[in-house]
């Protein structure tokens, strides 16, 4: 904040009302009236999915899928597709909406099979996380999946895309993952999803080895 003094907290922030402004097939825009910590009534414009089920907390799943094959480096299974809001191709983790009655695990395995053709095994699921809280209430689970690349079903995977989906599968080695993404971004006109690049930066830091280790002096 630019002011030297913080505003006084006098109340718990809360929503007063939500009014529909416009609604399409997949997205709607609402005017959200709320009270802030200082007791002031304010207005926010909020984008929401029309597909969220009333009894669920998450809209969809994102899938970090690791392809493991004998005599090959482990690879991250990525997807490349054209995204109209950006007017550009994007590099993303496979992802999709959770269907009615579906668990996050089941949705992840279904979406992975549809978008990439791979059959995997769930090894981890995050709590519900938000995606762009300043714009939308959209939420997701990130699901970690291992893929046995030696399994006969995964040697020549076949996508099960709906019409008119166009999704290209890209395999990037986990070793040097961030460098491989940077190289791809230099070569192609493509935008990396923030979740993908944050994961890449985390992996780079996890495997960072300093050239010189500090010497402990007695």
C-alpha atoms as a PDB file:
ATOM      1  CA  UNK A   1       0.000   0.000   0.000  1.00  0.00           C
ATOM      2  CA  UNK A   2       1.127   3.546  -0.664  1.00  0.00           C
ATOM      3  CA  UNK A   3      -0.190   4.910   2.650  1.00  0.00           C
ATOM      4  CA  UNK A   4       2.079   4.707   5.665  1.00  0.00           C
ATOM      5  CA  UNK A   5      -0.834   3.736   7.907  1.00  0.00           C
ATOM      6  CA  UNK A   6      -2.795   0.513   7.454  1.00  0.00           C
ATOM      7  CA  UNK A   7      -6.592   0.808   7.375  1.00  0.00           C
ATOM      8  CA  UNK A   8      -8.285  -0.152  10.641  1.00  0.00           C
ATOM      9  CA  UNK A   9      -9.932  -3.553  10.698  1.00  0.00           C
ATOM     10  CA  UNK A  10     -13.433  -3.173  12.127  1.00  0.00           C
ATOM     11  CA  UNK A  11     -15.364  -6.131  10.706  1.00  0.00           C
ATOM     12  CA  UNK A  12     -15.066  -9.509   9.013  1.00  0.00           C
ATOM     13  CA  UNK A  13     -15.299  -9.148   5.213  1.00  0.00           C
ATOM     14  CA  UNK A  14     -18.381 -10.794   3.726  1.00  0.00           C
ATOM     15  CA  UNK A  15     -20.524 -10.986   0.605  1.00  0.00           C
ATOM     16  CA  UNK A  16     -23.766  -8.976   0.660  1.00  0.00           C
ATOM     17  CA  UNK A  17     -25.267 -10.004  -2.691  1.00  0.00           C
ATOM     18  CA  UNK A  18     -24.400 -11.314  -6.155  1.00  0.00           C
ATOM     19  CA  UNK A  19     -26.251 -10.011  -9.211  1.00  0.00           C
ATOM     20  CA  UNK A  20     -26.098 -11.602 -12.652  1.00  0.00           C
ATOM     21  CA  UNK A  21     -24.921  -9.213 -15.379  1.00  0.00           C
ATOM     22  CA  UNK A  22     -24.588 -11.550 -18.375  1.00  0.00           C
ATOM     23  CA  UNK A  23     -24.516 -15.316 -18.900  1.00  0.00           C
ATOM     24  CA  UNK A  24     -23.195 -17.445 -21.747  1.00  0.00           C
ATOM     25  CA  UNK A  25     -23.015 -21.210 -22.245  1.00  0.00           C
ATOM     26  CA  UNK A  26     -19.870 -21.724 -20.163  1.00  0.00           C
ATOM     27  CA  UNK A  27     -19.227 -18.456 -18.279  1.00  0.00           C
ATOM     28  CA  UNK A  28     -21.249 -15.799 -16.495  1.00  0.00           C
ATOM     29  CA  UNK A  29     -20.389 -12.349 -15.136  1.00  0.00           C
ATOM     30  CA  UNK A  30     -21.756 -11.176 -11.798  1.00  0.00           C
ATOM     31  CA  UNK A  31     -21.669  -7.945  -9.806  1.00  0.00           C
ATOM     32  CA  UNK A  32     -20.536  -8.877  -6.311  1.00  0.00           C
ATOM     33  CA  UNK A  33     -21.391  -6.486  -3.477  1.00  0.00           C
ATOM     34  CA  UNK A  34     -19.308  -7.053  -0.355  1.00  0.00           C
ATOM     35  CA  UNK A  35     -18.189  -5.389   2.873  1.00  0.00           C
ATOM     36  CA  UNK A  36     -14.432  -5.014   3.412  1.00  0.00           C
ATOM     37  CA  UNK A  37     -12.434  -5.156   6.673  1.00  0.00           C
ATOM     38  CA  UNK A  38     -12.924  -1.432   7.264  1.00  0.00           C
ATOM     39  CA  UNK A  39     -16.700  -1.774   7.067  1.00  0.00           C
ATOM     40  CA  UNK A  40     -16.971  -0.173   3.620  1.00  0.00           C
ATOM     41  CA  UNK A  41     -19.448  -1.541   1.075  1.00  0.00           C
ATOM     42  CA  UNK A  42     -17.715  -2.243  -2.238  1.00  0.00           C
ATOM     43  CA  UNK A  43     -18.490  -3.749  -5.635  1.00  0.00           C
ATOM     44  CA  UNK A  44     -16.476  -6.348  -7.575  1.00  0.00           C
ATOM     45  CA  UNK A  45     -16.956  -7.898 -11.009  1.00  0.00           C
ATOM     46  CA  UNK A  46     -16.694 -11.691 -10.795  1.00  0.00           C
ATOM     47  CA  UNK A  47     -16.469 -14.295 -13.568  1.00  0.00           C
ATOM     48  CA  UNK A  48     -17.888 -17.735 -12.795  1.00  0.00           C
ATOM     49  CA  UNK A  49     -18.298 -21.018 -14.638  1.00  0.00           C
ATOM     50  CA  UNK A  50     -21.887 -22.036 -15.341  1.00  0.00           C
ATOM     51  CA  UNK A  51     -20.908 -25.723 -15.097  1.00  0.00           C
ATOM     52  CA  UNK A  52     -20.083 -25.930 -11.370  1.00  0.00           C
ATOM     53  CA  UNK A  53     -22.113 -28.515  -9.498  1.00  0.00           C
ATOM     54  CA  UNK A  54     -23.900 -27.280  -6.381  1.00  0.00           C
ATOM     55  CA  UNK A  55     -22.428 -30.018  -4.178  1.00  0.00           C
ATOM     56  CA  UNK A  56     -18.792 -29.691  -5.281  1.00  0.00           C
ATOM     57  CA  UNK A  57     -15.957 -27.362  -4.281  1.00  0.00           C
ATOM     58  CA  UNK A  58     -13.770 -27.738  -7.377  1.00  0.00           C
ATOM     59  CA  UNK A  59     -14.612 -27.042 -11.005  1.00  0.00           C
ATOM     60  CA  UNK A  60     -11.988 -29.315 -12.474  1.00  0.00           C
ATOM     61  CA  UNK A  61      -8.611 -31.019 -12.344  1.00  0.00           C
ATOM     62  CA  UNK A  62      -5.122 -30.325 -13.627  1.00  0.00           C
ATOM     63  CA  UNK A  63      -2.885 -33.348 -14.150  1.00  0.00           C
ATOM     64  CA  UNK A  64       0.874 -33.560 -13.609  1.00  0.00           C
ATOM     65  CA  UNK A  65       1.557 -36.821 -15.436  1.00  0.00           C
ATOM     66  CA  UNK A  66       5.009 -38.422 -15.348  1.00  0.00           C
ATOM     67  CA  UNK A  67       5.786 -40.956 -18.069  1.00  0.00           C
ATOM     68  CA  UNK A  68       8.218 -43.615 -16.845  1.00  0.00           C
ATOM     69  CA  UNK A  69       9.845 -45.981 -19.361  1.00  0.00           C
ATOM     70  CA  UNK A  70      12.735 -48.433 -19.186  1.00  0.00           C
ATOM     71  CA  UNK A  71      15.986 -46.971 -20.580  1.00  0.00           C
ATOM     72  CA  UNK A  72      14.362 -43.541 -21.016  1.00  0.00           C
ATOM     73  CA  UNK A  73      14.388 -40.387 -18.944  1.00  0.00           C
ATOM     74  CA  UNK A  74      11.177 -39.645 -17.051  1.00  0.00           C
ATOM     75  CA  UNK A  75       9.045 -37.181 -19.034  1.00  0.00           C
ATOM     76  CA  UNK A  76       6.260 -34.759 -18.151  1.00  0.00           C
ATOM     77  CA  UNK A  77       3.232 -35.223 -20.392  1.00  0.00           C
ATOM     78  CA  UNK A  78       2.117 -31.817 -21.673  1.00  0.00           C
ATOM     79  CA  UNK A  79      -0.539 -30.610 -24.097  1.00  0.00           C
ATOM     80  CA  UNK A  80      -0.419 -27.843 -26.680  1.00  0.00           C
ATOM     81  CA  UNK A  81      -3.645 -26.266 -27.900  1.00  0.00           C
ATOM     82  CA  UNK A  82      -5.008 -23.019 -29.315  1.00  0.00           C
ATOM     83  CA  UNK A  83      -6.751 -20.848 -26.721  1.00  0.00           C
ATOM     84  CA  UNK A  84      -9.088 -18.205 -28.243  1.00  0.00           C
ATOM     85  CA  UNK A  85      -8.968 -15.794 -25.240  1.00  0.00           C
ATOM     86  CA  UNK A  86      -5.205 -15.484 -25.783  1.00  0.00           C
ATOM     87  CA  UNK A  87      -5.284 -15.819 -29.561  1.00  0.00           C
ATOM     88  CA  UNK A  88      -2.308 -18.130 -29.165  1.00  0.00           C
ATOM     89  CA  UNK A  89      -1.207 -21.690 -28.589  1.00  0.00           C
ATOM     90  CA  UNK A  90      -0.515 -22.606 -24.982  1.00  0.00           C
ATOM     91  CA  UNK A  91       1.629 -25.192 -23.206  1.00  0.00           C
ATOM     92  CA  UNK A  92      -0.383 -26.728 -20.382  1.00  0.00           C
ATOM     93  CA  UNK A  93      -0.826 -29.716 -18.144  1.00  0.00           C
ATOM     94  CA  UNK A  94      -3.702 -31.947 -19.271  1.00  0.00           C
ATOM     95  CA  UNK A  95      -6.857 -30.718 -17.540  1.00  0.00           C
ATOM     96  CA  UNK A  96     -10.635 -30.758 -17.588  1.00  0.00           C
ATOM     97  CA  UNK A  97     -13.883 -30.312 -15.713  1.00  0.00           C
ATOM     98  CA  UNK A  98     -15.162 -32.785 -13.127  1.00  0.00           C
ATOM     99  CA  UNK A  99     -18.345 -34.532 -14.272  1.00  0.00           C
ATOM    100  CA  UNK A 100     -21.369 -35.063 -12.041  1.00  0.00           C
ATOM    101  CA  UNK A 101     -20.712 -37.775  -9.453  1.00  0.00           C
ATOM    102  CA  UNK A 102     -17.027 -37.981 -10.368  1.00  0.00           C
ATOM    103  CA  UNK A 103     -14.106 -37.841  -7.950  1.00  0.00           C
ATOM    104  CA  UNK A 104     -11.028 -35.743  -8.709  1.00  0.00           C
ATOM    105  CA  UNK A 105      -9.035 -38.952  -9.196  1.00  0.00           C
ATOM    106  CA  UNK A 106     -11.517 -40.412 -11.686  1.00  0.00           C
ATOM    107  CA  UNK A 107     -11.773 -37.122 -13.583  1.00  0.00           C
ATOM    108  CA  UNK A 108      -7.985 -36.897 -13.854  1.00  0.00           C
ATOM    109  CA  UNK A 109      -7.600 -40.408 -15.263  1.00  0.00           C
ATOM    110  CA  UNK A 110     -10.465 -39.831 -17.717  1.00  0.00           C
ATOM    111  CA  UNK A 111      -9.140 -36.490 -18.948  1.00  0.00           C
ATOM    112  CA  UNK A 112      -5.595 -37.869 -19.253  1.00  0.00           C
ATOM    113  CA  UNK A 113      -6.854 -40.739 -21.395  1.00  0.00           C
ATOM    114  CA  UNK A 114      -8.996 -38.467 -23.562  1.00  0.00           C
ATOM    115  CA  UNK A 115      -6.383 -35.747 -24.157  1.00  0.00           C
ATOM    116  CA  UNK A 116      -3.208 -37.837 -24.368  1.00  0.00           C
ATOM    117  CA  UNK A 117      -4.208 -41.485 -24.785  1.00  0.00           C
ATOM    118  CA  UNK A 118      -2.192 -42.523 -21.738  1.00  0.00           C
ATOM    119  CA  UNK A 119      -3.491 -44.729 -18.927  1.00  0.00           C
ATOM    120  CA  UNK A 120      -2.072 -43.781 -15.532  1.00  0.00           C
ATOM    121  CA  UNK A 121      -2.200 -44.334 -11.795  1.00  0.00           C
ATOM    122  CA  UNK A 122      -3.039 -41.564  -9.312  1.00  0.00           C
ATOM    123  CA  UNK A 123      -0.340 -41.073  -6.666  1.00  0.00           C
ATOM    124  CA  UNK A 124      -1.393 -37.743  -5.148  1.00  0.00           C
ATOM    125  CA  UNK A 125      -4.149 -35.113  -5.046  1.00  0.00           C
ATOM    126  CA  UNK A 126      -3.952 -31.542  -3.766  1.00  0.00           C
ATOM    127  CA  UNK A 127      -6.638 -29.819  -1.699  1.00  0.00           C
ATOM    128  CA  UNK A 128      -8.963 -27.472  -3.573  1.00  0.00           C
ATOM    129  CA  UNK A 129      -6.899 -24.538  -4.921  1.00  0.00           C
ATOM    130  CA  UNK A 130      -7.932 -21.294  -6.632  1.00  0.00           C
ATOM    131  CA  UNK A 131      -6.768 -20.300 -10.102  1.00  0.00           C
ATOM    132  CA  UNK A 132      -7.288 -16.543 -10.563  1.00  0.00           C
ATOM    133  CA  UNK A 133      -8.974 -15.248  -7.370  1.00  0.00           C
ATOM    134  CA  UNK A 134      -8.926 -11.597  -8.421  1.00  0.00           C
ATOM    135  CA  UNK A 135     -11.074 -12.436 -11.444  1.00  0.00           C
ATOM    136  CA  UNK A 136     -12.962 -15.662 -10.835  1.00  0.00           C
ATOM    137  CA  UNK A 137     -14.101 -18.201  -8.250  1.00  0.00           C
ATOM    138  CA  UNK A 138     -12.718 -21.010 -10.439  1.00  0.00           C
ATOM    139  CA  UNK A 139     -11.066 -23.799  -8.422  1.00  0.00           C
ATOM    140  CA  UNK A 140      -9.234 -27.036  -9.137  1.00  0.00           C
ATOM    141  CA  UNK A 141      -7.497 -30.105  -7.770  1.00  0.00           C
ATOM    142  CA  UNK A 142      -4.016 -30.841  -9.102  1.00  0.00           C
ATOM    143  CA  UNK A 143      -3.597 -34.586  -9.485  1.00  0.00           C
ATOM    144  CA  UNK A 144      -0.207 -36.315  -9.721  1.00  0.00           C
ATOM    145  CA  UNK A 145      -0.270 -39.358 -11.998  1.00  0.00           C
ATOM    146  CA  UNK A 146       2.411 -41.916 -12.839  1.00  0.00           C
ATOM    147  CA  UNK A 147       2.294 -43.579 -16.268  1.00  0.00           C
ATOM    148  CA  UNK A 148       3.941 -46.961 -16.875  1.00  0.00           C
ATOM    149  CA  UNK A 149       5.323 -46.387 -20.345  1.00  0.00           C
ATOM    150  CA  UNK A 150       6.234 -50.072 -20.685  1.00  0.00           C
ATOM    151  CA  UNK A 151       2.568 -51.069 -20.382  1.00  0.00           C
ATOM    152  CA  UNK A 152       1.273 -52.273 -23.758  1.00  0.00           C
ATOM    153  CA  UNK A 153      -1.581 -49.707 -23.591  1.00  0.00           C
ATOM    154  CA  UNK A 154       0.921 -46.871 -23.289  1.00  0.00           C
ATOM    155  CA  UNK A 155       3.416 -47.825 -25.992  1.00  0.00           C
ATOM    156  CA  UNK A 156       1.274 -46.336 -28.783  1.00  0.00           C
ATOM    157  CA  UNK A 157      -1.313 -44.208 -26.981  1.00  0.00           C
ATOM    158  CA  UNK A 158      -4.371 -43.058 -28.933  1.00  0.00           C
ATOM    159  CA  UNK A 159      -6.205 -39.871 -27.950  1.00  0.00           C
ATOM    160  CA  UNK A 160      -9.966 -39.927 -27.428  1.00  0.00           C
ATOM    161  CA  UNK A 161     -10.737 -36.314 -28.297  1.00  0.00           C
ATOM    162  CA  UNK A 162     -14.227 -34.955 -28.693  1.00  0.00           C
ATOM    163  CA  UNK A 163     -15.317 -32.903 -31.688  1.00  0.00           C
ATOM    164  CA  UNK A 164     -13.913 -30.295 -32.333  1.00  0.00           C
ATOM    165  CA  UNK A 165     -10.908 -30.714 -29.980  1.00  0.00           C
ATOM    166  CA  UNK A 166      -7.384 -30.284 -31.328  1.00  0.00           C
ATOM    167  CA  UNK A 167      -4.747 -31.221 -28.751  1.00  0.00           C
ATOM    168  CA  UNK A 168      -1.071 -31.986 -29.443  1.00  0.00           C
ATOM    169  CA  UNK A 169       0.794 -34.114 -26.903  1.00  0.00           C
ATOM    170  CA  UNK A 170       4.299 -32.939 -25.994  1.00  0.00           C
ATOM    171  CA  UNK A 171       6.735 -34.960 -23.854  1.00  0.00           C
ATOM    172  CA  UNK A 172       9.412 -32.982 -22.033  1.00  0.00           C
ATOM    173  CA  UNK A 173      12.156 -34.673 -19.961  1.00  0.00           C
ATOM    174  CA  UNK A 174      11.877 -33.988 -16.234  1.00  0.00           C
ATOM    175  CA  UNK A 175      15.652 -33.561 -16.194  1.00  0.00           C
ATOM    176  CA  UNK A 176      16.247 -29.938 -17.180  1.00  0.00           C
ATOM    177  CA  UNK A 177      12.495 -29.336 -17.446  1.00  0.00           C
ATOM    178  CA  UNK A 178      12.657 -25.536 -17.186  1.00  0.00           C
ATOM    179  CA  UNK A 179      15.429 -25.307 -19.789  1.00  0.00           C
ATOM    180  CA  UNK A 180      13.388 -27.482 -22.167  1.00  0.00           C
ATOM    181  CA  UNK A 181      10.376 -25.179 -21.740  1.00  0.00           C
ATOM    182  CA  UNK A 182      12.505 -22.064 -22.299  1.00  0.00           C
ATOM    183  CA  UNK A 183      13.870 -23.618 -25.487  1.00  0.00           C
ATOM    184  CA  UNK A 184      10.355 -24.414 -26.702  1.00  0.00           C
ATOM    185  CA  UNK A 185       9.161 -20.868 -25.982  1.00  0.00           C
ATOM    186  CA  UNK A 186      12.065 -19.471 -28.002  1.00  0.00           C
ATOM    187  CA  UNK A 187      11.363 -21.733 -30.976  1.00  0.00           C
ATOM    188  CA  UNK A 188       7.582 -21.472 -31.126  1.00  0.00           C
ATOM    189  CA  UNK A 189       4.921 -18.806 -30.708  1.00  0.00           C
ATOM    190  CA  UNK A 190       3.424 -20.332 -27.606  1.00  0.00           C
ATOM    191  CA  UNK A 191       2.487 -19.165 -24.087  1.00  0.00           C
ATOM    192  CA  UNK A 192       3.261 -21.346 -21.063  1.00  0.00           C
ATOM    193  CA  UNK A 193       0.527 -21.795 -18.472  1.00  0.00           C
ATOM    194  CA  UNK A 194       1.587 -20.230 -15.152  1.00  0.00           C
ATOM    195  CA  UNK A 195       1.152 -23.544 -13.304  1.00  0.00           C
ATOM    196  CA  UNK A 196       3.506 -25.245 -15.740  1.00  0.00           C
ATOM    197  CA  UNK A 197       6.238 -22.661 -15.366  1.00  0.00           C
ATOM    198  CA  UNK A 198       5.931 -22.491 -11.575  1.00  0.00           C
ATOM    199  CA  UNK A 199       6.314 -26.295 -11.470  1.00  0.00           C
ATOM    200  CA  UNK A 200       9.370 -26.004 -13.731  1.00  0.00           C
ATOM    201  CA  UNK A 201      10.963 -23.362 -11.488  1.00  0.00           C
ATOM    202  CA  UNK A 202      10.279 -25.507  -8.428  1.00  0.00           C
ATOM    203  CA  UNK A 203      11.922 -28.526 -10.023  1.00  0.00           C
ATOM    204  CA  UNK A 204      14.926 -26.421 -11.016  1.00  0.00           C
ATOM    205  CA  UNK A 205      15.358 -25.231  -7.434  1.00  0.00           C
ATOM    206  CA  UNK A 206      14.865 -28.722  -6.025  1.00  0.00           C
ATOM    207  CA  UNK A 207      17.711 -30.109  -8.124  1.00  0.00           C
ATOM    208  CA  UNK A 208      19.955 -27.034  -7.941  1.00  0.00           C
ATOM    209  CA  UNK A 209      23.538 -27.889  -7.007  1.00  0.00           C
ATOM    210  CA  UNK A 210      25.849 -25.014  -6.102  1.00  0.00           C
ATOM    211  CA  UNK A 211      29.261 -25.139  -7.720  1.00  0.00           C
ATOM    212  CA  UNK A 212      30.973 -24.626  -4.404  1.00  0.00           C
ATOM    213  CA  UNK A 213      29.767 -25.851  -1.058  1.00  0.00           C
ATOM    214  CA  UNK A 214      30.484 -23.645   1.942  1.00  0.00           C
ATOM    215  CA  UNK A 215      33.256 -24.956   4.186  1.00  0.00           C
ATOM    216  CA  UNK A 216      32.251 -25.257   7.805  1.00  0.00           C
ATOM    217  CA  UNK A 217      34.919 -23.816  10.067  1.00  0.00           C
ATOM    218  CA  UNK A 218      35.470 -25.104  13.580  1.00  0.00           C
END
